[in-house]
Amino acid sequence: MSDTPLACTPHDHAHCVSHALAEADQLCARQGVRLTALRRRVLELVWQSHKPLGAYDILAILSEQDGRRAAPPTVYRALDFLLENGLVHRIASLNAFIGCNHPEHPHQGQFLICRNCHTAIEMQEPAIRNAIGEAAAQVGFAVEGETVEVVGLCAPCRRAA
């Protein structure tokens, strides 16, 4: 195994980002919502790394790279839009956001998060979703949302330790 974090295994990252943006354009068109230039740029910044990105990190990049003077509420509104439309997930433990690998179908997030390098790997494990649903049903609990965050060390960080 290489030293590349699992979420960044060798691939054409520029294609990865452009594919995510193209999917976002299509999804927004189908849903009849507007992917404004700022929303698209925020999504692009989130996708530039497989590591979760905080709102203030996004603000700093917008200021440094784009020369934009966006206010925090503007970035938070863009992130809210992206969340509502399934284009990003929020990693609560890091108070940060990561691009959704499967925006075409609504789902809750399941993540492996490296406590050292903060790489986040999105999982799609039906067994986890089913176990949560079954446990909730046993106690009469109605699940409205779920995010599973599993913290540990990715393979490269384990090898480096």
N, C-alpha and C. Protein backbone atom coordinates (compact mmCIF):
# COMPACT_ATOMS: atom_id res chain seq x y z
N MET A 1 0.85 -1.19 0.00
CA MET A 1 0.00 0.00 0.00
C MET A 1 0.89 1.24 0.00
N SER A 2 0.49 2.27 -0.73
CA SER A 2 1.30 3.48 -0.82
C SER A 2 1.06 4.38 0.38
N ASP A 3 1.79 5.49 0.45
CA ASP A 3 1.62 6.46 1.53
C ASP A 3 0.45 7.40 1.28
N THR A 4 -0.23 7.23 0.18
CA THR A 4 -1.37 8.08 -0.16
C THR A 4 -2.56 7.70 0.72
N PRO A 5 -3.19 8.68 1.38
CA PRO A 5 -4.37 8.35 2.20
C PRO A 5 -5.42 7.66 1.35
N LEU A 6 -6.20 6.79 1.98
CA LEU A 6 -7.20 6.01 1.26
C LEU A 6 -8.12 6.88 0.42
N ALA A 7 -8.56 8.01 0.96
CA ALA A 7 -9.49 8.86 0.22
C ALA A 7 -8.82 9.51 -0.98
N CYS A 8 -7.51 9.47 -1.02
CA CYS A 8 -6.78 10.11 -2.13
C CYS A 8 -5.96 9.09 -2.89
N THR A 9 -6.45 7.86 -2.98
CA THR A 9 -5.72 6.86 -3.74
C THR A 9 -5.52 7.39 -5.15
N PRO A 10 -4.49 6.94 -5.82
CA PRO A 10 -4.15 7.52 -7.12
C PRO A 10 -5.35 7.63 -8.05
N HIS A 11 -5.62 8.85 -8.46
CA HIS A 11 -6.65 9.14 -9.44
C HIS A 11 -6.41 10.54 -9.97
N ASP A 12 -7.07 10.86 -11.03
CA ASP A 12 -6.95 12.18 -11.62
C ASP A 12 -7.82 13.12 -10.79
N HIS A 13 -7.19 13.84 -9.85
CA HIS A 13 -7.96 14.65 -8.91
C HIS A 13 -8.67 15.80 -9.61
N ALA A 14 -8.08 16.35 -10.66
CA ALA A 14 -8.75 17.41 -11.41
C ALA A 14 -10.05 16.86 -12.02
N HIS A 15 -10.00 15.62 -12.50
CA HIS A 15 -11.19 14.98 -13.03
C HIS A 15 -12.20 14.73 -11.91
N CYS A 16 -11.71 14.32 -10.76
CA CYS A 16 -12.56 14.08 -9.59
C CYS A 16 -13.36 15.34 -9.26
N VAL A 17 -12.69 16.49 -9.20
CA VAL A 17 -13.33 17.76 -8.88
C VAL A 17 -14.29 18.16 -9.99
N SER A 18 -13.84 18.09 -11.25
CA SER A 18 -14.71 18.50 -12.36
C SER A 18 -15.93 17.59 -12.46
N HIS A 19 -15.77 16.31 -12.16
CA HIS A 19 -16.91 15.37 -12.16
C HIS A 19 -17.91 15.76 -11.07
N ALA A 20 -17.41 16.10 -9.89
CA ALA A 20 -18.30 16.50 -8.79
C ALA A 20 -19.06 17.77 -9.16
N LEU A 21 -18.40 18.73 -9.79
CA LEU A 21 -19.06 19.97 -10.19
C LEU A 21 -20.09 19.72 -11.29
N ALA A 22 -19.77 18.85 -12.24
CA ALA A 22 -20.72 18.51 -13.30
C ALA A 22 -21.95 17.82 -12.71
N GLU A 23 -21.73 16.90 -11.77
CA GLU A 23 -22.86 16.24 -11.10
C GLU A 23 -23.71 17.26 -10.36
N ALA A 24 -23.07 18.22 -9.71
CA ALA A 24 -23.80 19.26 -8.98
C ALA A 24 -24.64 20.09 -9.94
N ASP A 25 -24.08 20.46 -11.09
CA ASP A 25 -24.83 21.23 -12.10
C ASP A 25 -26.08 20.46 -12.54
N GLN A 26 -25.91 19.16 -12.82
CA GLN A 26 -27.02 18.33 -13.27
C GLN A 26 -28.07 18.17 -12.18
N LEU A 27 -27.63 17.89 -10.97
CA LEU A 27 -28.54 17.69 -9.84
C LEU A 27 -29.36 18.95 -9.58
N CYS A 28 -28.70 20.10 -9.57
CA CYS A 28 -29.40 21.37 -9.33
C CYS A 28 -30.40 21.66 -10.44
N ALA A 29 -30.02 21.38 -11.68
CA ALA A 29 -30.93 21.60 -12.81
C ALA A 29 -32.17 20.71 -12.66
N ARG A 30 -31.97 19.43 -12.31
CA ARG A 30 -33.10 18.51 -12.12
C ARG A 30 -34.00 18.95 -10.98
N GLN A 31 -33.40 19.49 -9.92
CA GLN A 31 -34.18 19.89 -8.75
C GLN A 31 -34.74 21.30 -8.88
N GLY A 32 -34.36 22.00 -9.93
CA GLY A 32 -34.86 23.35 -10.15
C GLY A 32 -34.32 24.36 -9.15
N VAL A 33 -33.09 24.13 -8.68
CA VAL A 33 -32.45 25.08 -7.76
C VAL A 33 -31.24 25.67 -8.45
N ARG A 34 -30.79 26.80 -7.96
CA ARG A 34 -29.72 27.55 -8.63
C ARG A 34 -28.37 27.33 -7.95
N LEU A 35 -27.42 26.83 -8.70
CA LEU A 35 -26.05 26.70 -8.22
C LEU A 35 -25.32 27.98 -8.64
N THR A 36 -25.38 28.98 -7.76
CA THR A 36 -24.76 30.27 -8.07
C THR A 36 -23.25 30.12 -8.18
N ALA A 37 -22.59 31.15 -8.67
CA ALA A 37 -21.13 31.12 -8.82
C ALA A 37 -20.46 30.90 -7.46
N LEU A 38 -20.95 31.56 -6.41
CA LEU A 38 -20.35 31.38 -5.08
C LEU A 38 -20.58 29.97 -4.55
N ARG A 39 -21.79 29.45 -4.69
CA ARG A 39 -22.08 28.09 -4.23
C ARG A 39 -21.19 27.09 -4.97
N ARG A 40 -21.04 27.29 -6.26
CA ARG A 40 -20.20 26.39 -7.06
C ARG A 40 -18.74 26.49 -6.62
N ARG A 41 -18.28 27.70 -6.35
CA ARG A 41 -16.89 27.88 -5.92
C ARG A 41 -16.65 27.25 -4.55
N VAL A 42 -17.61 27.40 -3.64
CA VAL A 42 -17.49 26.78 -2.32
C VAL A 42 -17.44 25.26 -2.47
N LEU A 43 -18.29 24.71 -3.32
CA LEU A 43 -18.27 23.26 -3.57
C LEU A 43 -16.92 22.84 -4.15
N GLU A 44 -16.41 23.61 -5.08
CA GLU A 44 -15.10 23.31 -5.67
C GLU A 44 -14.01 23.29 -4.60
N LEU A 45 -14.03 24.27 -3.70
CA LEU A 45 -13.02 24.32 -2.63
C LEU A 45 -13.14 23.12 -1.71
N VAL A 46 -14.36 22.73 -1.40
CA VAL A 46 -14.56 21.56 -0.54
C VAL A 46 -14.01 20.32 -1.22
N TRP A 47 -14.20 20.22 -2.53
CA TRP A 47 -13.75 19.04 -3.26
C TRP A 47 -12.25 19.04 -3.57
N GLN A 48 -11.57 20.16 -3.38
CA GLN A 48 -10.15 20.22 -3.73
C GLN A 48 -9.29 19.30 -2.87
N SER A 49 -9.84 18.82 -1.78
CA SER A 49 -9.13 17.90 -0.91
C SER A 49 -10.12 16.89 -0.38
N HIS A 50 -9.65 15.74 -0.01
CA HIS A 50 -10.54 14.76 0.61
C HIS A 50 -10.54 14.95 2.13
N LYS A 51 -10.00 16.06 2.56
CA LYS A 51 -10.01 16.39 3.99
C LYS A 51 -11.11 17.40 4.23
N PRO A 52 -11.87 17.22 5.31
CA PRO A 52 -12.94 18.18 5.60
C PRO A 52 -12.40 19.60 5.74
N LEU A 53 -13.20 20.55 5.28
CA LEU A 53 -12.81 21.95 5.25
C LEU A 53 -13.83 22.76 6.04
N GLY A 54 -13.35 23.60 6.95
CA GLY A 54 -14.23 24.43 7.76
C GLY A 54 -14.64 25.70 7.02
N ALA A 55 -15.70 26.33 7.49
CA ALA A 55 -16.22 27.54 6.85
C ALA A 55 -15.17 28.66 6.86
N TYR A 56 -14.43 28.80 7.95
CA TYR A 56 -13.44 29.87 7.99
C TYR A 56 -12.23 29.56 7.11
N ASP A 57 -11.95 28.28 6.89
CA ASP A 57 -10.92 27.89 5.92
C ASP A 57 -11.36 28.32 4.52
N ILE A 58 -12.64 28.10 4.23
CA ILE A 58 -13.19 28.49 2.93
C ILE A 58 -13.11 30.00 2.76
N LEU A 59 -13.47 30.73 3.81
CA LEU A 59 -13.39 32.20 3.76
C LEU A 59 -11.96 32.66 3.46
N ALA A 60 -10.99 32.05 4.12
CA ALA A 60 -9.59 32.42 3.92
C ALA A 60 -9.16 32.16 2.49
N ILE A 61 -9.56 31.02 1.93
CA ILE A 61 -9.19 30.69 0.56
C ILE A 61 -9.85 31.66 -0.41
N LEU A 62 -11.13 31.97 -0.18
CA LEU A 62 -11.82 32.92 -1.05
C LEU A 62 -11.11 34.27 -1.05
N SER A 63 -10.65 34.67 0.12
CA SER A 63 -9.97 35.95 0.25
C SER A 63 -8.59 35.91 -0.42
N GLU A 64 -7.81 34.86 -0.12
CA GLU A 64 -6.44 34.75 -0.62
C GLU A 64 -6.38 34.46 -2.12
N GLN A 65 -7.13 33.46 -2.57
CA GLN A 65 -7.03 33.02 -3.96
C GLN A 65 -7.91 33.81 -4.92
N ASP A 66 -9.10 34.17 -4.44
CA ASP A 66 -10.06 34.81 -5.34
C ASP A 66 -10.17 36.31 -5.12
N GLY A 67 -9.60 36.81 -4.02
CA GLY A 67 -9.72 38.22 -3.70
C GLY A 67 -11.13 38.64 -3.30
N ARG A 68 -11.96 37.65 -2.95
CA ARG A 68 -13.34 37.94 -2.54
C ARG A 68 -13.38 38.32 -1.07
N ARG A 69 -14.23 39.25 -0.75
CA ARG A 69 -14.44 39.65 0.64
C ARG A 69 -15.79 39.11 1.09
N ALA A 70 -15.91 37.81 1.13
CA ALA A 70 -17.16 37.18 1.55
C ALA A 70 -17.26 37.21 3.07
N ALA A 71 -18.45 37.48 3.57
CA ALA A 71 -18.70 37.48 5.00
C ALA A 71 -19.05 36.06 5.44
N PRO A 72 -18.79 35.72 6.70
CA PRO A 72 -19.12 34.37 7.18
C PRO A 72 -20.55 33.94 6.86
N PRO A 73 -21.57 34.81 7.07
CA PRO A 73 -22.93 34.35 6.76
C PRO A 73 -23.11 33.92 5.29
N THR A 74 -22.40 34.57 4.38
CA THR A 74 -22.50 34.23 2.96
C THR A 74 -21.99 32.82 2.71
N VAL A 75 -20.85 32.49 3.32
CA VAL A 75 -20.28 31.14 3.16
C VAL A 75 -21.17 30.12 3.84
N TYR A 76 -21.68 30.45 5.03
CA TYR A 76 -22.57 29.51 5.72
C TYR A 76 -23.85 29.27 4.92
N ARG A 77 -24.39 30.30 4.27
CA ARG A 77 -25.58 30.11 3.43
C ARG A 77 -25.26 29.20 2.24
N ALA A 78 -24.09 29.39 1.64
CA ALA A 78 -23.69 28.53 0.53
C ALA A 78 -23.55 27.08 1.01
N LEU A 79 -22.93 26.89 2.17
CA LEU A 79 -22.77 25.54 2.72
C LEU A 79 -24.12 24.92 3.07
N ASP A 80 -25.04 25.72 3.62
CA ASP A 80 -26.39 25.23 3.92
C ASP A 80 -27.08 24.75 2.65
N PHE A 81 -26.95 25.52 1.58
CA PHE A 81 -27.53 25.13 0.30
C PHE A 81 -26.94 23.79 -0.16
N LEU A 82 -25.62 23.68 -0.09
CA LEU A 82 -24.96 22.45 -0.53
C LEU A 82 -25.37 21.26 0.32
N LEU A 83 -25.53 21.47 1.63
CA LEU A 83 -26.01 20.41 2.53
C LEU A 83 -27.43 20.00 2.19
N GLU A 84 -28.30 20.99 2.06
CA GLU A 84 -29.72 20.72 1.76
C GLU A 84 -29.91 19.96 0.47
N ASN A 85 -29.01 20.15 -0.46
CA ASN A 85 -29.12 19.50 -1.76
C ASN A 85 -28.24 18.26 -1.90
N GLY A 86 -27.69 17.80 -0.78
CA GLY A 86 -26.94 16.55 -0.76
C GLY A 86 -25.60 16.58 -1.45
N LEU A 87 -25.04 17.77 -1.64
CA LEU A 87 -23.76 17.89 -2.35
C LEU A 87 -22.56 17.81 -1.42
N VAL A 88 -22.77 18.08 -0.15
CA VAL A 88 -21.71 17.96 0.86
C VAL A 88 -22.30 17.30 2.11
N HIS A 89 -21.40 16.82 2.95
CA HIS A 89 -21.75 16.31 4.27
C HIS A 89 -21.04 17.18 5.31
N ARG A 90 -21.64 17.27 6.47
CA ARG A 90 -20.99 17.97 7.59
C ARG A 90 -20.39 16.93 8.51
N ILE A 91 -19.11 17.12 8.83
CA ILE A 91 -18.43 16.28 9.80
C ILE A 91 -18.49 17.04 11.12
N ALA A 92 -19.43 16.67 11.98
CA ALA A 92 -19.69 17.43 13.20
C ALA A 92 -18.47 17.49 14.12
N SER A 93 -17.76 16.39 14.26
CA SER A 93 -16.62 16.35 15.19
C SER A 93 -15.52 17.32 14.79
N LEU A 94 -15.45 17.66 13.51
CA LEU A 94 -14.43 18.58 13.02
C LEU A 94 -15.01 19.95 12.67
N ASN A 95 -16.33 20.09 12.78
CA ASN A 95 -17.04 21.30 12.37
C ASN A 95 -16.57 21.71 10.97
N ALA A 96 -16.65 20.74 10.06
CA ALA A 96 -16.13 20.93 8.71
C ALA A 96 -17.01 20.19 7.72
N PHE A 97 -16.72 20.39 6.44
CA PHE A 97 -17.54 19.84 5.36
C PHE A 97 -16.68 19.07 4.38
N ILE A 98 -17.31 18.06 3.77
CA ILE A 98 -16.62 17.25 2.76
C ILE A 98 -17.61 16.97 1.64
N GLY A 99 -17.09 16.87 0.43
CA GLY A 99 -17.94 16.60 -0.72
C GLY A 99 -18.58 15.23 -0.63
N CYS A 100 -19.82 15.13 -1.08
CA CYS A 100 -20.54 13.86 -1.08
C CYS A 100 -20.18 13.07 -2.33
N ASN A 101 -19.79 11.82 -2.14
CA ASN A 101 -19.42 10.97 -3.26
C ASN A 101 -20.61 10.49 -4.09
N HIS A 102 -21.80 10.53 -3.50
CA HIS A 102 -22.99 10.00 -4.18
C HIS A 102 -24.17 10.95 -4.03
N PRO A 103 -24.08 12.15 -4.59
CA PRO A 103 -25.17 13.12 -4.41
C PRO A 103 -26.44 12.74 -5.16
N GLU A 104 -26.34 11.79 -6.08
CA GLU A 104 -27.51 11.43 -6.88
C GLU A 104 -28.59 10.72 -6.09
N HIS A 105 -28.24 10.17 -4.93
CA HIS A 105 -29.28 9.56 -4.08
C HIS A 105 -29.09 10.02 -2.63
N PRO A 106 -30.16 10.55 -2.04
CA PRO A 106 -30.07 11.06 -0.66
C PRO A 106 -29.66 9.95 0.31
N HIS A 107 -28.75 10.29 1.20
CA HIS A 107 -28.30 9.33 2.21
C HIS A 107 -27.63 10.09 3.35
N GLN A 108 -27.48 9.40 4.45
CA GLN A 108 -26.77 9.96 5.59
C GLN A 108 -25.30 9.58 5.47
N GLY A 109 -24.46 10.30 6.17
CA GLY A 109 -23.02 10.07 6.06
C GLY A 109 -22.49 9.04 7.02
N GLN A 110 -21.57 8.25 6.54
CA GLN A 110 -20.79 7.30 7.35
C GLN A 110 -19.33 7.55 6.99
N PHE A 111 -18.53 7.88 7.99
CA PHE A 111 -17.15 8.30 7.70
C PHE A 111 -16.14 7.63 8.60
N LEU A 112 -14.98 7.33 8.01
CA LEU A 112 -13.78 6.95 8.74
C LEU A 112 -12.92 8.21 8.73
N ILE A 113 -12.56 8.71 9.91
CA ILE A 113 -11.82 9.97 10.01
C ILE A 113 -10.51 9.72 10.72
N CYS A 114 -9.41 10.06 10.06
CA CYS A 114 -8.10 9.90 10.67
C CYS A 114 -7.88 11.04 11.68
N ARG A 115 -7.58 10.67 12.90
CA ARG A 115 -7.38 11.68 13.96
C ARG A 115 -6.07 12.42 13.79
N ASN A 116 -5.19 11.90 12.95
CA ASN A 116 -3.90 12.54 12.74
C ASN A 116 -3.92 13.49 11.54
N CYS A 117 -4.25 12.99 10.37
CA CYS A 117 -4.20 13.82 9.15
C CYS A 117 -5.57 14.37 8.76
N HIS A 118 -6.62 13.93 9.43
CA HIS A 118 -8.00 14.38 9.21
C HIS A 118 -8.60 13.97 7.87
N THR A 119 -7.96 13.04 7.18
CA THR A 119 -8.58 12.52 5.96
C THR A 119 -9.89 11.86 6.36
N ALA A 120 -10.92 12.09 5.56
CA ALA A 120 -12.24 11.49 5.81
C ALA A 120 -12.61 10.63 4.62
N ILE A 121 -12.99 9.40 4.90
CA ILE A 121 -13.37 8.46 3.86
C ILE A 121 -14.85 8.16 4.03
N GLU A 122 -15.65 8.50 3.01
CA GLU A 122 -17.08 8.23 3.08
C GLU A 122 -17.33 6.76 2.78
N MET A 123 -18.15 6.14 3.63
CA MET A 123 -18.53 4.74 3.44
C MET A 123 -20.00 4.68 3.06
N GLN A 124 -20.39 3.60 2.44
CA GLN A 124 -21.79 3.31 2.14
C GLN A 124 -22.03 1.87 2.60
N GLU A 125 -22.31 1.70 3.87
CA GLU A 125 -22.51 0.37 4.43
C GLU A 125 -23.96 0.19 4.86
N PRO A 126 -24.75 -0.50 4.05
CA PRO A 126 -26.15 -0.73 4.41
C PRO A 126 -26.32 -1.41 5.77
N ALA A 127 -25.38 -2.26 6.14
CA ALA A 127 -25.49 -2.97 7.43
C ALA A 127 -25.50 -1.98 8.60
N ILE A 128 -24.74 -0.90 8.48
CA ILE A 128 -24.72 0.11 9.55
C ILE A 128 -26.06 0.81 9.61
N ARG A 129 -26.56 1.24 8.47
CA ARG A 129 -27.86 1.91 8.40
C ARG A 129 -28.96 1.00 8.94
N ASN A 130 -28.93 -0.27 8.54
CA ASN A 130 -29.93 -1.23 9.00
C ASN A 130 -29.86 -1.46 10.50
N ALA A 131 -28.65 -1.56 11.04
CA ALA A 131 -28.47 -1.77 12.48
C ALA A 131 -29.03 -0.59 13.27
N ILE A 132 -28.80 0.62 12.79
CA ILE A 132 -29.34 1.81 13.46
C ILE A 132 -30.86 1.79 13.40
N GLY A 133 -31.41 1.48 12.24
CA GLY A 133 -32.86 1.42 12.08
C GLY A 133 -33.50 0.37 12.97
N GLU A 134 -32.89 -0.80 13.04
CA GLU A 134 -33.42 -1.88 13.88
C GLU A 134 -33.35 -1.53 15.36
N ALA A 135 -32.22 -0.98 15.79
CA ALA A 135 -32.08 -0.59 17.20
C ALA A 135 -33.09 0.49 17.57
N ALA A 136 -33.31 1.44 16.67
CA ALA A 136 -34.27 2.50 16.92
C ALA A 136 -35.68 1.95 16.99
N ALA A 137 -36.02 1.04 16.08
CA ALA A 137 -37.37 0.46 16.05
C ALA A 137 -37.67 -0.32 17.33
N GLN A 138 -36.66 -0.98 17.87
CA GLN A 138 -36.84 -1.76 19.09
C GLN A 138 -37.26 -0.90 20.27
N VAL A 139 -36.89 0.36 20.27
CA VAL A 139 -37.26 1.25 21.38
C VAL A 139 -38.28 2.30 20.96
N GLY A 140 -38.85 2.12 19.76
CA GLY A 140 -39.88 3.04 19.29
C GLY A 140 -39.36 4.42 18.92
N PHE A 141 -38.10 4.50 18.54
CA PHE A 141 -37.47 5.77 18.19
C PHE A 141 -37.59 5.99 16.69
N ALA A 142 -37.98 7.20 16.29
CA ALA A 142 -38.08 7.55 14.88
C ALA A 142 -36.81 8.28 14.46
N VAL A 143 -36.00 7.65 13.65
CA VAL A 143 -34.75 8.24 13.17
C VAL A 143 -35.07 9.29 12.12
N GLU A 144 -34.56 10.50 12.33
CA GLU A 144 -34.75 11.58 11.36
C GLU A 144 -33.46 11.90 10.61
N GLY A 145 -32.36 11.48 11.14
CA GLY A 145 -31.07 11.71 10.50
C GLY A 145 -29.99 10.99 11.28
N GLU A 146 -28.93 10.67 10.59
CA GLU A 146 -27.83 9.98 11.25
C GLU A 146 -26.53 10.32 10.53
N THR A 147 -25.49 10.48 11.29
CA THR A 147 -24.16 10.60 10.74
C THR A 147 -23.26 9.77 11.63
N VAL A 148 -22.56 8.84 11.04
CA VAL A 148 -21.66 7.97 11.78
C VAL A 148 -20.24 8.43 11.51
N GLU A 149 -19.52 8.77 12.57
CA GLU A 149 -18.14 9.21 12.45
C GLU A 149 -17.27 8.28 13.27
N VAL A 150 -16.42 7.54 12.60
CA VAL A 150 -15.52 6.60 13.25
C VAL A 150 -14.12 7.21 13.19
N VAL A 151 -13.53 7.45 14.35
CA VAL A 151 -12.23 8.09 14.43
C VAL A 151 -11.15 7.04 14.69
N GLY A 152 -10.05 7.18 14.01
CA GLY A 152 -8.92 6.27 14.18
C GLY A 152 -7.74 6.78 13.40
N LEU A 153 -6.90 5.86 12.97
CA LEU A 153 -5.72 6.23 12.17
C LEU A 153 -5.79 5.54 10.82
N CYS A 154 -5.57 6.32 9.77
CA CYS A 154 -5.51 5.74 8.42
C CYS A 154 -4.21 4.94 8.30
N ALA A 155 -4.16 4.10 7.29
CA ALA A 155 -2.99 3.23 7.10
C ALA A 155 -1.67 4.02 7.00
N PRO A 156 -1.61 5.10 6.21
CA PRO A 156 -0.33 5.84 6.15
C PRO A 156 0.09 6.41 7.50
N CYS A 157 -0.86 6.93 8.28
CA CYS A 157 -0.52 7.49 9.58
C CYS A 157 -0.12 6.39 10.57
N ARG A 158 -0.75 5.22 10.46
CA ARG A 158 -0.36 4.09 11.32
C ARG A 158 1.07 3.68 11.01
N ARG A 159 1.41 3.62 9.73
CA ARG A 159 2.77 3.22 9.35
C ARG A 159 3.79 4.26 9.82
N ALA A 160 3.41 5.53 9.78
CA ALA A 160 4.35 6.59 10.17
C ALA A 160 4.56 6.68 11.68
N ALA A 161 3.59 6.12 12.44
CA ALA A 161 3.65 6.25 13.91
C ALA A 161 4.75 5.41 14.51
